[in-house]
PDB file of N, CA and C in Angstrom:
ATOM      1  N   MET A   1       0.800  -0.565   0.291  1.00  0.00           N
ATOM      2  CA  MET A   1      -0.088   0.136   0.057  1.00  0.00           C
ATOM      3  C   MET A   1       0.884   1.310   0.230  1.00  0.00           C
ATOM      4  N   ARG A   2       0.499   2.199  -0.984  1.00  0.00           N
ATOM      5  CA  ARG A   2       1.347   3.299  -1.125  1.00  0.00           C
ATOM      6  C   ARG A   2       1.190   4.620   0.277  1.00  0.00           C
ATOM      7  N   TYR A   3       2.142   4.704   0.661  1.00  0.00           N
ATOM      8  CA  TYR A   3       2.210   5.635   1.951  1.00  0.00           C
ATOM      9  C   TYR A   3       1.275   7.358   1.802  1.00  0.00           C
ATOM     10  N   LEU A   4       0.753   7.158   2.909  1.00  0.00           N
ATOM     11  CA  LEU A   4      -0.241   8.325   3.068  1.00  0.00           C
ATOM     12  C   LEU A   4      -1.214   8.052   2.012  1.00  0.00           C
ATOM     13  N   SER A   5      -1.519   6.982   1.365  1.00  0.00           N
ATOM     14  CA  SER A   5      -3.218   6.878   0.577  1.00  0.00           C
ATOM     15  C   SER A   5      -4.095   6.577   1.624  1.00  0.00           C
ATOM     16  N   ASP A   6      -5.387   6.545   1.224  1.00  0.00           N
ATOM     17  CA  ASP A   6      -6.505   5.963   1.681  1.00  0.00           C
ATOM     18  C   ASP A   6      -6.207   5.042   2.475  1.00  0.00           C
ATOM     19  N   SER A   7      -6.020   3.865   2.068  1.00  0.00           N
ATOM     20  CA  SER A   7      -5.446   2.424   2.671  1.00  0.00           C
ATOM     21  C   SER A   7      -4.525   2.776   3.292  1.00  0.00           C
ATOM     22  N   TRP A   8      -3.343   3.338   3.867  1.00  0.00           N
ATOM     23  CA  TRP A   8      -2.662   3.109   4.627  1.00  0.00           C
ATOM     24  C   TRP A   8      -2.588   4.246   5.958  1.00  0.00           C
ATOM     25  N   LEU A   9      -3.461   5.086   5.232  1.00  0.00           N
ATOM     26  CA  LEU A   9      -4.291   6.139   6.684  1.00  0.00           C
ATOM     27  C   LEU A   9      -5.406   4.859   7.544  1.00  0.00           C
ATOM     28  N   GLN A  10      -6.160   4.033   7.081  1.00  0.00           N
ATOM     29  CA  GLN A  10      -6.778   3.201   7.493  1.00  0.00           C
ATOM     30  C   GLN A  10      -5.726   1.976   8.503  1.00  0.00           C
ATOM     31  N   ALA A  11      -5.188   1.720   7.402  1.00  0.00           N
ATOM     32  CA  ALA A  11      -3.650   0.689   8.668  1.00  0.00           C
ATOM     33  C   ALA A  11      -3.302   1.411   9.439  1.00  0.00           C
ATOM     34  N   ALA A  12      -2.936   2.843   9.532  1.00  0.00           N
ATOM     35  CA  ALA A  12      -2.491   3.374  10.384  1.00  0.00           C
ATOM     36  C   ALA A  12      -3.512   3.471  11.795  1.00  0.00           C
ATOM     37  N   ASP A  13      -4.616   4.076  11.169  1.00  0.00           N
ATOM     38  CA  ASP A  13      -5.566   4.266  12.715  1.00  0.00           C
ATOM     39  C   ASP A  13      -5.376   2.391  13.185  1.00  0.00           C
ATOM     40  N   GLN A  14      -5.636   1.657  11.839  1.00  0.00           N
ATOM     41  CA  GLN A  14      -5.569   0.440  13.182  1.00  0.00           C
ATOM     42  C   GLN A  14      -4.101   0.100  13.992  1.00  0.00           C
ATOM     43  N   ALA A  15      -3.222   0.012  13.391  1.00  0.00           N
ATOM     44  CA  ALA A  15      -2.054  -0.061  14.261  1.00  0.00           C
ATOM     45  C   ALA A  15      -2.333   0.873  15.270  1.00  0.00           C
ATOM     46  N   LEU A  16      -2.567   1.725  15.804  1.00  0.00           N
ATOM     47  CA  LEU A  16      -2.498   2.719  17.233  1.00  0.00           C
ATOM     48  C   LEU A  16      -4.032   2.138  18.058  1.00  0.00           C
ATOM     49  N   GLU A  17      -4.241   0.824  17.365  1.00  0.00           N
ATOM     50  CA  GLU A  17      -5.257   0.604  18.895  1.00  0.00           C
ATOM     51  C   GLU A  17      -4.286   0.234  19.449  1.00  0.00           C
ATOM     52  N   GLY A  18      -5.396   0.028  20.767  1.00  0.00           N
ATOM     53  CA  GLY A  18      -4.835  -0.318  22.084  1.00  0.00           C
ATOM     54  C   GLY A  18      -3.290   0.711  22.789  1.00  0.00           C
ATOM     55  N   LEU A  19      -3.394   1.798  22.042  1.00  0.00           N
ATOM     56  CA  LEU A  19      -2.145   2.849  22.773  1.00  0.00           C
ATOM     57  C   LEU A  19      -3.024   3.360  23.942  1.00  0.00           C
ATOM     58  N   GLU A  20      -1.913   3.865  24.750  1.00  0.00           N
ATOM     59  CA  GLU A  20      -2.602   4.524  25.980  1.00  0.00           C
ATOM     60  C   GLU A  20      -3.066   6.028  25.369  1.00  0.00           C
ATOM     61  N   PRO A  21      -4.569   6.276  25.653  1.00  0.00           N
ATOM     62  CA  PRO A  21      -4.793   7.503  25.113  1.00  0.00           C
ATOM     63  C   PRO A  21      -4.147   8.504  26.675  1.00  0.00           C
ATOM     64  N   LEU A  22      -4.631   9.893  26.168  1.00  0.00           N
ATOM     65  CA  LEU A  22      -3.961  10.508  27.255  1.00  0.00           C
ATOM     66  C   LEU A  22      -5.581  10.983  27.848  1.00  0.00           C
ATOM     67  N   PRO A  23      -5.532  11.580  29.079  1.00  0.00           N
ATOM     68  CA  PRO A  23      -6.578  11.821  29.540  1.00  0.00           C
ATOM     69  C   PRO A  23      -7.518  13.264  29.422  1.00  0.00           C
ATOM     70  N   VAL A  24      -6.555  14.201  28.698  1.00  0.00           N
ATOM     71  CA  VAL A  24      -7.091  15.223  28.309  1.00  0.00           C
ATOM     72  C   VAL A  24      -7.149  14.940  26.048  1.00  0.00           C
ATOM     73  N   GLY A  25      -7.712  15.353  25.555  1.00  0.00           N
ATOM     74  CA  GLY A  25      -7.595  14.950  24.498  1.00  0.00           C
ATOM     75  C   GLY A  25      -6.521  16.201  23.773  1.00  0.00           C
ATOM     76  N   LEU A  26      -5.684  15.932  22.441  1.00  0.00           N
ATOM     77  CA  LEU A  26      -4.867  16.534  22.024  1.00  0.00           C
ATOM     78  C   LEU A  26      -4.959  15.843  20.381  1.00  0.00           C
ATOM     79  N   LEU A  27      -4.760  17.179  19.967  1.00  0.00           N
ATOM     80  CA  LEU A  27      -4.976  16.304  18.437  1.00  0.00           C
ATOM     81  C   LEU A  27      -3.991  17.211  17.699  1.00  0.00           C
ATOM     82  N   VAL A  28      -3.268  16.313  16.873  1.00  0.00           N
ATOM     83  CA  VAL A  28      -2.583  16.807  16.111  1.00  0.00           C
ATOM     84  C   VAL A  28      -2.323  16.708  14.776  1.00  0.00           C
ATOM     85  N   GLY A  29      -1.877  17.889  14.095  1.00  0.00           N
ATOM     86  CA  GLY A  29      -2.339  17.528  12.628  1.00  0.00           C
ATOM     87  C   GLY A  29      -1.240  17.391  11.936  1.00  0.00           C
ATOM     88  N   TYR A  30      -1.342  16.826  10.423  1.00  0.00           N
ATOM     89  CA  TYR A  30      -0.027  16.686   9.525  1.00  0.00           C
ATOM     90  C   TYR A  30      -0.561  16.922   8.739  1.00  0.00           C
ATOM     91  N   VAL A  31       0.448  18.240   7.273  1.00  0.00           N
ATOM     92  CA  VAL A  31       0.299  18.204   6.440  1.00  0.00           C
ATOM     93  C   VAL A  31       1.467  18.068   5.421  1.00  0.00           C
ATOM     94  N   VAL A  32       1.328  17.290   4.360  1.00  0.00           N
ATOM     95  CA  VAL A  32       2.493  16.452   3.769  1.00  0.00           C
ATOM     96  C   VAL A  32       2.120  17.188   2.590  1.00  0.00           C
ATOM     97  N   THR A  33       3.057  17.829   2.082  1.00  0.00           N
ATOM     98  CA  THR A  33       3.184  18.345   0.418  1.00  0.00           C
ATOM     99  C   THR A  33       4.187  18.209  -0.607  1.00  0.00           C
ATOM    100  N   GLY A  34       3.271  18.047  -1.603  1.00  0.00           N
ATOM    101  CA  GLY A  34       4.430  17.262  -2.680  1.00  0.00           C
ATOM    102  C   GLY A  34       4.314  15.544  -2.816  1.00  0.00           C
ATOM    103  N   GLY A  35       3.251  15.513  -2.615  1.00  0.00           N
ATOM    104  CA  GLY A  35       3.055  13.742  -2.935  1.00  0.00           C
ATOM    105  C   GLY A  35       2.932  13.367  -4.124  1.00  0.00           C
ATOM    106  N   PRO A  36       2.652  12.015  -4.646  1.00  0.00           N
ATOM    107  CA  PRO A  36       2.161  11.684  -5.828  1.00  0.00           C
ATOM    108  C   PRO A  36       1.099  11.599  -6.011  1.00  0.00           C
ATOM    109  N   ASP A  37       0.189  11.956  -4.711  1.00  0.00           N
ATOM    110  CA  ASP A  37      -1.216  12.241  -4.939  1.00  0.00           C
ATOM    111  C   ASP A  37      -1.985  13.360  -4.387  1.00  0.00           C
ATOM    112  N   GLY A  38      -0.953  14.291  -4.258  1.00  0.00           N
ATOM    113  CA  GLY A  38      -1.004  15.991  -4.016  1.00  0.00           C
ATOM    114  C   GLY A  38      -0.649  15.689  -2.181  1.00  0.00           C
ATOM    115  N   GLU A  39      -1.289  17.194  -1.691  1.00  0.00           N
ATOM    116  CA  GLU A  39      -1.446  17.319  -0.238  1.00  0.00           C
ATOM    117  C   GLU A  39      -2.247  16.549   0.183  1.00  0.00           C
ATOM    118  N   ARG A  40      -1.464  15.945   1.495  1.00  0.00           N
ATOM    119  CA  ARG A  40      -1.900  14.931   2.064  1.00  0.00           C
ATOM    120  C   ARG A  40      -2.641  15.509   3.389  1.00  0.00           C
ATOM    121  N   ARG A  41      -3.769  15.574   4.246  1.00  0.00           N
ATOM    122  CA  ARG A  41      -3.627  16.432   5.499  1.00  0.00           C
ATOM    123  C   ARG A  41      -4.698  15.316   6.406  1.00  0.00           C
ATOM    124  N   TYR A  42      -4.295  14.791   7.876  1.00  0.00           N
ATOM    125  CA  TYR A  42      -4.084  14.009   8.167  1.00  0.00           C
ATOM    126  C   TYR A  42      -3.931  14.198   9.858  1.00  0.00           C
ATOM    127  N   SER A  43      -4.861  13.740  10.950  1.00  0.00           N
ATOM    128  CA  SER A  43      -4.495  14.339  12.369  1.00  0.00           C
ATOM    129  C   SER A  43      -4.426  13.035  13.304  1.00  0.00           C
ATOM    130  N   VAL A  44      -3.604  12.779  14.180  1.00  0.00           N
ATOM    131  CA  VAL A  44      -4.050  11.892  14.920  1.00  0.00           C
ATOM    132  C   VAL A  44      -4.198  12.551  16.322  1.00  0.00           C
ATOM    133  N   ARG A  45      -5.383  11.710  17.123  1.00  0.00           N
ATOM    134  CA  ARG A  45      -6.514  11.940  18.171  1.00  0.00           C
ATOM    135  C   ARG A  45      -6.003  11.097  19.449  1.00  0.00           C
ATOM    136  N   PHE A  46      -5.520  11.894  20.520  1.00  0.00           N
ATOM    137  CA  PHE A  46      -4.891  11.477  21.072  1.00  0.00           C
ATOM    138  C   PHE A  46      -5.514  11.402  22.701  1.00  0.00           C
ATOM    139  N   GLY A  47      -6.520  10.467  22.247  1.00  0.00           N
ATOM    140  CA  GLY A  47      -7.732  10.201  23.788  1.00  0.00           C
ATOM    141  C   GLY A  47      -8.596  11.641  23.409  1.00  0.00           C
ATOM    142  N   PRO A  48      -9.863  11.403  24.530  1.00  0.00           N
ATOM    143  CA  PRO A  48      -9.426  10.989  25.492  1.00  0.00           C
ATOM    144  C   PRO A  48      -9.745   9.492  25.964  1.00  0.00           C
ATOM    145  N   ASP A  49     -10.411   8.658  24.959  1.00  0.00           N
ATOM    146  CA  ASP A  49     -11.362   7.567  25.058  1.00  0.00           C
ATOM    147  C   ASP A  49      -9.567   6.377  24.395  1.00  0.00           C
ATOM    148  N   ALA A  50      -9.777   7.125  23.130  1.00  0.00           N
ATOM    149  CA  ALA A  50      -8.753   5.968  22.325  1.00  0.00           C
ATOM    150  C   ALA A  50      -7.416   7.156  21.547  1.00  0.00           C
ATOM    151  N   VAL A  51      -6.973   5.773  20.730  1.00  0.00           N
ATOM    152  CA  VAL A  51      -5.282   7.536  19.712  1.00  0.00           C
ATOM    153  C   VAL A  51      -6.460   6.541  18.347  1.00  0.00           C
ATOM    154  N   ARG A  52      -6.700   7.521  17.621  1.00  0.00           N
ATOM    155  CA  ARG A  52      -7.285   7.485  16.355  1.00  0.00           C
ATOM    156  C   ARG A  52      -6.774   8.451  15.405  1.00  0.00           C
ATOM    157  N   LEU A  53      -6.735   7.708  14.255  1.00  0.00           N
ATOM    158  CA  LEU A  53      -5.725   8.668  13.084  1.00  0.00           C
ATOM    159  C   LEU A  53      -7.529   8.910  12.308  1.00  0.00           C
ATOM    160  N   VAL A  54      -7.426   9.905  12.294  1.00  0.00           N
ATOM    161  CA  VAL A  54      -8.201  11.060  11.099  1.00  0.00           C
ATOM    162  C   VAL A  54      -8.069  11.833   9.780  1.00  0.00           C
ATOM    163  N   THR A  55      -8.977  11.920   8.948  1.00  0.00           N
ATOM    164  CA  THR A  55      -8.671  12.300   7.732  1.00  0.00           C
ATOM    165  C   THR A  55      -8.669  14.007   8.429  1.00  0.00           C
ATOM    166  N   GLY A  56      -8.256  14.537   7.603  1.00  0.00           N
ATOM    167  CA  GLY A  56      -8.402  16.364   8.165  1.00  0.00           C
ATOM    168  C   GLY A  56      -7.498  16.818   8.405  1.00  0.00           C
ATOM    169  N   THR A  57      -7.601  18.498   9.212  1.00  0.00           N
ATOM    170  CA  THR A  57      -6.421  18.992  10.271  1.00  0.00           C
ATOM    171  C   THR A  57      -7.153  19.906  10.765  1.00  0.00           C
ATOM    172  N   ASP A  58      -8.828  20.230  10.327  1.00  0.00           N
ATOM    173  CA  ASP A  58      -9.531  20.755  11.284  1.00  0.00           C
ATOM    174  C   ASP A  58      -9.181  20.883  12.539  1.00  0.00           C
ATOM    175  N   ASN A  59      -8.938  21.890  13.919  1.00  0.00           N
ATOM    176  CA  ASN A  59      -9.786  22.399  14.952  1.00  0.00           C
ATOM    177  C   ASN A  59      -8.141  21.360  15.597  1.00  0.00           C
ATOM    178  N   ALA A  60      -7.444  21.085  14.951  1.00  0.00           N
ATOM    179  CA  ALA A  60      -5.787  20.248  15.460  1.00  0.00           C
ATOM    180  C   ALA A  60      -5.529  21.631  16.219  1.00  0.00           C
ATOM    181  N   ASP A  61      -4.762  21.068  17.570  1.00  0.00           N
ATOM    182  CA  ASP A  61      -4.150  21.994  18.262  1.00  0.00           C
ATOM    183  C   ASP A  61      -2.869  21.952  18.349  1.00  0.00           C
ATOM    184  N   VAL A  62      -1.913  21.712  17.332  1.00  0.00           N
ATOM    185  CA  VAL A  62      -0.656  21.726  16.798  1.00  0.00           C
ATOM    186  C   VAL A  62      -0.691  21.138  15.404  1.00  0.00           C
ATOM    187  N   VAL A  63       0.021  22.162  14.314  1.00  0.00           N
ATOM    188  CA  VAL A  63       0.191  21.228  13.029  1.00  0.00           C
ATOM    189  C   VAL A  63       1.236  20.888  12.296  1.00  0.00           C
ATOM    190  N   LEU A  64       1.710  20.111  11.961  1.00  0.00           N
ATOM    191  CA  LEU A  64       3.285  19.665  11.406  1.00  0.00           C
ATOM    192  C   LEU A  64       3.222  19.755  10.008  1.00  0.00           C
ATOM    193  N   ARG A  65       3.677  21.181   9.441  1.00  0.00           N
ATOM    194  CA  ARG A  65       3.992  20.358   7.578  1.00  0.00           C
ATOM    195  C   ARG A  65       5.227  20.483   6.977  1.00  0.00           C
ATOM    196  N   LEU A  66       5.349  19.156   6.404  1.00  0.00           N
ATOM    197  CA  LEU A  66       6.312  19.090   5.638  1.00  0.00           C
ATOM    198  C   LEU A  66       6.375  18.612   4.167  1.00  0.00           C
ATOM    199  N   ASP A  67       7.631  18.573   3.382  1.00  0.00           N
ATOM    200  CA  ASP A  67       7.367  17.836   1.976  1.00  0.00           C
ATOM    201  C   ASP A  67       7.703  16.600   2.295  1.00  0.00           C
ATOM    202  N   TRP A  68       6.981  15.902   0.974  1.00  0.00           N
ATOM    203  CA  TRP A  68       6.837  14.473   0.781  1.00  0.00           C
ATOM    204  C   TRP A  68       8.036  13.773   0.980  1.00  0.00           C
ATOM    205  N   ASP A  69       9.594  13.936   0.514  1.00  0.00           N
ATOM    206  CA  ASP A  69      10.620  13.535   1.142  1.00  0.00           C
ATOM    207  C   ASP A  69      11.289  13.836   2.415  1.00  0.00           C
ATOM    208  N   LEU A  70      10.412  14.874   3.506  1.00  0.00           N
ATOM    209  CA  LEU A  70      11.155  14.501   4.409  1.00  0.00           C
ATOM    210  C   LEU A  70      10.336  13.844   5.071  1.00  0.00           C
ATOM    211  N   ALA A  71       9.005  13.481   4.812  1.00  0.00           N
ATOM    212  CA  ALA A  71       7.737  12.852   5.342  1.00  0.00           C
ATOM    213  C   ALA A  71       8.273  11.070   5.375  1.00  0.00           C
ATOM    214  N   VAL A  72       8.679  11.029   4.222  1.00  0.00           N
ATOM    215  CA  VAL A  72       9.024   9.740   3.777  1.00  0.00           C
ATOM    216  C   VAL A  72      10.473   9.486   4.742  1.00  0.00           C
ATOM    217  N   GLY A  73      11.026  10.355   4.896  1.00  0.00           N
ATOM    218  CA  GLY A  73      12.573  10.050   5.443  1.00  0.00           C
ATOM    219  C   GLY A  73      12.184   9.822   6.942  1.00  0.00           C
ATOM    220  N   VAL A  74      11.758  10.717   7.593  1.00  0.00           N
ATOM    221  CA  VAL A  74      11.281  10.593   8.842  1.00  0.00           C
ATOM    222  C   VAL A  74      10.189   9.088   9.186  1.00  0.00           C
ATOM    223  N   ALA A  75       9.294   8.749   7.903  1.00  0.00           N
ATOM    224  CA  ALA A  75       9.060   7.561   8.677  1.00  0.00           C
ATOM    225  C   ALA A  75       9.333   6.284   8.071  1.00  0.00           C
ATOM    226  N   LEU A  76      10.350   6.460   7.285  1.00  0.00           N
ATOM    227  CA  LEU A  76      11.843   5.368   7.406  1.00  0.00           C
ATOM    228  C   LEU A  76      12.582   5.497   8.475  1.00  0.00           C
ATOM    229  N   GLY A  77      12.199   6.458   9.306  1.00  0.00           N
ATOM    230  CA  GLY A  77      13.687   6.489  10.190  1.00  0.00           C
ATOM    231  C   GLY A  77      14.865   6.714   9.813  1.00  0.00           C
ATOM    232  N   GLN A  78      15.056   7.958   8.504  1.00  0.00           N
ATOM    233  CA  GLN A  78      16.776   7.911   8.081  1.00  0.00           C
ATOM    234  C   GLN A  78      16.255   9.039   8.488  1.00  0.00           C
ATOM    235  N   ASP A  79      15.153  10.125   8.606  1.00  0.00           N
ATOM    236  CA  ASP A  79      15.459  11.392   9.196  1.00  0.00           C
ATOM    237  C   ASP A  79      14.727  11.688  10.383  1.00  0.00           C
ATOM    238  N   SER A  80      15.108  12.505  11.396  1.00  0.00           N
ATOM    239  CA  SER A  80      14.334  12.815  12.643  1.00  0.00           C
ATOM    240  C   SER A  80      13.795  14.351  12.501  1.00  0.00           C
ATOM    241  N   ALA A  81      12.464  14.380  13.241  1.00  0.00           N
ATOM    242  CA  ALA A  81      11.335  14.963  12.897  1.00  0.00           C
ATOM    243  C   ALA A  81      11.998  16.686  13.671  1.00  0.00           C
ATOM    244  N   GLN A  82      12.901  16.361  14.870  1.00  0.00           N
ATOM    245  CA  GLN A  82      13.572  17.424  15.870  1.00  0.00           C
ATOM    246  C   GLN A  82      14.428  18.020  14.974  1.00  0.00           C
ATOM    247  N   ARG A  83      15.383  17.338  14.514  1.00  0.00           N
ATOM    248  CA  ARG A  83      16.399  17.661  13.427  1.00  0.00           C
ATOM    249  C   ARG A  83      15.651  18.836  12.262  1.00  0.00           C
ATOM    250  N   ALA A  84      15.112  17.821  11.893  1.00  0.00           N
ATOM    251  CA  ALA A  84      13.798  18.716  10.457  1.00  0.00           C
ATOM    252  C   ALA A  84      13.084  20.373  10.902  1.00  0.00           C
ATOM    253  N   PHE A  85      13.196  20.224  12.477  1.00  0.00           N
ATOM    254  CA  PHE A  85      12.242  21.346  12.567  1.00  0.00           C
ATOM    255  C   PHE A  85      13.715  22.445  12.848  1.00  0.00           C
ATOM    256  N   LEU A  86      14.897  21.819  13.284  1.00  0.00           N
ATOM    257  CA  LEU A  86      15.467  22.708  13.609  1.00  0.00           C
ATOM    258  C   LEU A  86      16.160  23.576  12.347  1.00  0.00           C
ATOM    259  N   ASP A  87      16.431  22.485  11.236  1.00  0.00           N
ATOM    260  CA  ASP A  87      16.770  22.677   9.531  1.00  0.00           C
ATOM    261  C   ASP A  87      15.593  23.531   9.230  1.00  0.00           C
ATOM    262  N   GLY A  88      14.759  23.492   9.440  1.00  0.00           N
ATOM    263  CA  GLY A  88      13.697  24.556   8.504  1.00  0.00           C
ATOM    264  C   GLY A  88      12.841  23.452   8.004  1.00  0.00           C
ATOM    265  N   GLY A  89      13.068  22.265   7.342  1.00  0.00           N
ATOM    266  CA  GLY A  89      12.255  21.266   6.917  1.00  0.00           C
ATOM    267  C   GLY A  89      10.777  21.236   7.301  1.00  0.00           C
ATOM    268  N   LEU A  90      10.185  21.446   8.626  1.00  0.00           N
ATOM    269  CA  LEU A  90       9.420  21.323   9.150  1.00  0.00           C
ATOM    270  C   LEU A  90       8.652  22.488  10.284  1.00  0.00           C
ATOM    271  N   ARG A  91       7.725  22.623   9.425  1.00  0.00           N
ATOM    272  CA  ARG A  91       6.962  23.832  10.028  1.00  0.00           C
ATOM    273  C   ARG A  91       5.667  23.622  11.433  1.00  0.00           C
ATOM    274  N   LEU A  92       5.971  23.920  12.281  1.00  0.00           N
ATOM    275  CA  LEU A  92       4.681  24.033  12.861  1.00  0.00           C
ATOM    276  C   LEU A  92       3.804  25.243  13.649  1.00  0.00           C
ATOM    277  N   ALA A  93       2.618  24.984  13.762  1.00  0.00           N
ATOM    278  CA  ALA A  93       1.573  26.008  13.838  1.00  0.00           C
ATOM    279  C   ALA A  93       0.460  25.572  15.355  1.00  0.00           C
ATOM    280  N   GLY A  94       0.631  26.780  15.577  1.00  0.00           N
ATOM    281  CA  GLY A  94      -0.506  25.840  16.706  1.00  0.00           C
ATOM    282  C   GLY A  94       0.393  25.941  18.124  1.00  0.00           C
ATOM    283  N   ASP A  95      -0.194  25.407  19.202  1.00  0.00           N
ATOM    284  CA  ASP A  95       0.006  25.037  20.559  1.00  0.00           C
ATOM    285  C   ASP A  95       1.349  24.489  20.474  1.00  0.00           C
ATOM    286  N   VAL A  96       2.744  24.483  20.186  1.00  0.00           N
ATOM    287  CA  VAL A  96       3.746  23.886  20.409  1.00  0.00           C
ATOM    288  C   VAL A  96       3.790  23.283  21.367  1.00  0.00           C
ATOM    289  N   ASN A  97       4.023  23.732  22.896  1.00  0.00           N
ATOM    290  CA  ASN A  97       3.890  23.450  23.955  1.00  0.00           C
ATOM    291  C   ASN A  97       3.478  22.132  24.593  1.00  0.00           C
ATOM    292  N   LEU A  98       2.277  21.508  23.464  1.00  0.00           N
ATOM    293  CA  LEU A  98       2.002  20.922  23.512  1.00  0.00           C
ATOM    294  C   LEU A  98       2.078  19.398  23.273  1.00  0.00           C
ATOM    295  N   LEU A  99       3.394  19.387  22.344  1.00  0.00           N
ATOM    296  CA  LEU A  99       3.887  18.659  21.481  1.00  0.00           C
ATOM    297  C   LEU A  99       4.999  18.312  23.027  1.00  0.00           C
ATOM    298  N   LEU A 100       5.551  19.374  23.742  1.00  0.00           N
ATOM    299  CA  LEU A 100       6.698  18.945  24.461  1.00  0.00           C
ATOM    300  C   LEU A 100       5.997  18.251  25.380  1.00  0.00           C
ATOM    301  N   ALA A 101       4.916  18.820  26.038  1.00  0.00           N
ATOM    302  CA  ALA A 101       4.588  18.103  26.837  1.00  0.00           C
ATOM    303  C   ALA A 101       4.062  16.739  26.978  1.00  0.00           C
ATOM    304  N   HIS A 102       3.688  16.295  25.786  1.00  0.00           N
ATOM    305  CA  HIS A 102       3.124  15.280  25.531  1.00  0.00           C
ATOM    306  C   HIS A 102       3.899  14.251  24.956  1.00  0.00           C
ATOM    307  N   GLY A 103       5.510  14.664  24.706  1.00  0.00           N
ATOM    308  CA  GLY A 103       6.284  13.363  23.998  1.00  0.00           C
ATOM    309  C   GLY A 103       6.782  12.049  23.790  1.00  0.00           C
ATOM    310  N   PRO A 104       6.410  11.740  24.954  1.00  0.00           N
ATOM    311  CA  PRO A 104       5.934  10.279  25.500  1.00  0.00           C
ATOM    312  C   PRO A 104       5.114   9.699  24.565  1.00  0.00           C
ATOM    313  N   ALA A 105       3.837  10.262  24.450  1.00  0.00           N
ATOM    314  CA  ALA A 105       2.534   9.820  23.339  1.00  0.00           C
ATOM    315  C   ALA A 105       2.945  10.337  22.171  1.00  0.00           C
ATOM    316  N   LEU A 106       3.353  10.639  21.250  1.00  0.00           N
ATOM    317  CA  LEU A 106       3.911  11.078  20.540  1.00  0.00           C
ATOM    318  C   LEU A 106       5.270  10.213  19.988  1.00  0.00           C
ATOM    319  N   THR A 107       6.145   9.901  20.762  1.00  0.00           N
ATOM    320  CA  THR A 107       7.088   9.070  20.375  1.00  0.00           C
ATOM    321  C   THR A 107       6.275   7.322  20.360  1.00  0.00           C
ATOM    322  N   ALA A 108       5.266   7.145  21.368  1.00  0.00           N
ATOM    323  CA  ALA A 108       4.878   5.899  21.047  1.00  0.00           C
ATOM    324  C   ALA A 108       3.808   5.435  19.864  1.00  0.00           C
ATOM    325  N   PHE A 109       3.335   6.512  19.226  1.00  0.00           N
ATOM    326  CA  PHE A 109       2.294   7.038  17.845  1.00  0.00           C
ATOM    327  C   PHE A 109       3.756   6.685  17.100  1.00  0.00           C
ATOM    328  N   GLU A 110       4.753   6.873  17.047  1.00  0.00           N
ATOM    329  CA  GLU A 110       6.128   6.642  15.795  1.00  0.00           C
ATOM    330  C   GLU A 110       6.045   5.247  15.764  1.00  0.00           C
ATOM    331  N   ASP A 111       6.685   4.918  16.896  1.00  0.00           N
ATOM    332  CA  ASP A 111       7.018   3.471  16.968  1.00  0.00           C
ATOM    333  C   ASP A 111       5.920   2.454  16.394  1.00  0.00           C
ATOM    334  N   ARG A 112       4.147   2.847  17.137  1.00  0.00           N
ATOM    335  CA  ARG A 112       3.731   2.185  16.226  1.00  0.00           C
ATOM    336  C   ARG A 112       3.260   1.790  14.699  1.00  0.00           C
ATOM    337  N   LEU A 113       3.565   3.568  14.501  1.00  0.00           N
ATOM    338  CA  LEU A 113       3.542   3.073  12.920  1.00  0.00           C
ATOM    339  C   LEU A 113       4.763   2.702  12.133  1.00  0.00           C
ATOM    340  N   ALA A 114       5.983   2.772  12.833  1.00  0.00           N
ATOM    341  CA  ALA A 114       6.989   1.966  12.291  1.00  0.00           C
ATOM    342  C   ALA A 114       6.438   0.619  11.803  1.00  0.00           C
ATOM    343  N   THR A 115       5.932  -0.001  12.481  1.00  0.00           N
ATOM    344  CA  THR A 115       5.493  -1.468  12.149  1.00  0.00           C
ATOM    345  C   THR A 115       4.795  -1.421  10.707  1.00  0.00           C
ATOM    346  N   LEU A 116       4.881  -0.709  10.214  1.00  0.00           N
ATOM    347  CA  LEU A 116       3.650  -0.828   8.609  1.00  0.00           C
ATOM    348  C   LEU A 116       4.962  -0.485   7.963  1.00  0.00           C
ATOM    349  N   ARG A 117       6.138   0.031   8.178  1.00  0.00           N
ATOM    350  CA  ARG A 117       7.265  -0.049   6.963  1.00  0.00           C
ATOM    351  C   ARG A 117       7.430  -0.927   5.834  1.00  0.00           C
ATOM    352  N   THR A 118       7.251  -2.540   6.508  1.00  0.00           N
ATOM    353  CA  THR A 118       7.915  -3.098   5.218  1.00  0.00           C
ATOM    354  C   THR A 118       6.496  -3.682   4.203  1.00  0.00           C
ATOM    355  N   ALA A 119       5.131  -3.254   4.719  1.00  0.00           N
ATOM    356  CA  ALA A 119       3.816  -3.259   4.220  1.00  0.00           C
ATOM    357  C   ALA A 119       3.973  -1.851   3.284  1.00  0.00           C
ATOM    358  N   THR A 120       4.627  -0.914   3.280  1.00  0.00           N
ATOM    359  CA  THR A 120       4.349  -0.073   2.694  1.00  0.00           C
ATOM    360  C   THR A 120       5.245   0.595   1.051  1.00  0.00           C
ATOM    361  N   ASP A 121       4.688   0.971   0.380  1.00  0.00           N
ATOM    362  CA  ASP A 121       5.298   1.346  -0.882  1.00  0.00           C
ATOM    363  C   ASP A 121       5.530   3.081  -0.664  1.00  0.00           C
ATOM    364  N   PHE A 122       6.543   3.456  -0.416  1.00  0.00           N
ATOM    365  CA  PHE A 122       6.704   4.929  -0.589  1.00  0.00           C
ATOM    366  C   PHE A 122       7.358   5.489  -1.857  1.00  0.00           C
ATOM    367  N   GLY A 123       6.823   4.876  -2.776  1.00  0.00           N
ATOM    368  CA  GLY A 123       6.698   5.140  -4.078  1.00  0.00           C
ATOM    369  C   GLY A 123       8.210   6.092  -5.120  1.00  0.00           C
ATOM    370  N   GLY A 124       9.154   5.581  -5.043  1.00  0.00           N
ATOM    371  CA  GLY A 124      10.177   6.180  -5.473  1.00  0.00           C
ATOM    372  C   GLY A 124      10.882   7.250  -4.699  1.00  0.00           C
ATOM    373  N   ALA A 125      10.493   7.669  -3.864  1.00  0.00           N
ATOM    374  CA  ALA A 125      10.863   9.029  -2.986  1.00  0.00           C
ATOM    375  C   ALA A 125      12.103   8.611  -2.335  1.00  0.00           C
ATOM    376  N   LEU A 126      13.066   9.872  -2.286  1.00  0.00           N
ATOM    377  CA  LEU A 126      14.409   9.809  -1.680  1.00  0.00           C
ATOM    378  C   LEU A 126      15.104   9.236  -2.848  1.00  0.00           C
TER     379      LEU A 126
END
């Protein structure tokens, strides 16, 4: 399945089942530009009842914006989101302090998505 396709987003949502939700809701949006299917927007809802992946970024507390190649690099574990932010490739909007306050939840989310790597077609990126 192609990275960030509808089927990949569904598989990613399923991979998040069982993650510990946050007691207060946090919605982290992602905007990936320049991909084979154009711009893709999705969000991760961290609680209060479950961790879920949803389409769109409306009402996100914080939004991460990055291009396709950087998103693929992060997904493959070849690039660091933190380094990309410091280098200017990853732009943030919204309440950035929420990301800092909930770092372990974001790490757990990234670890779960790493399980999809072998089943994902990154479509000639990088």
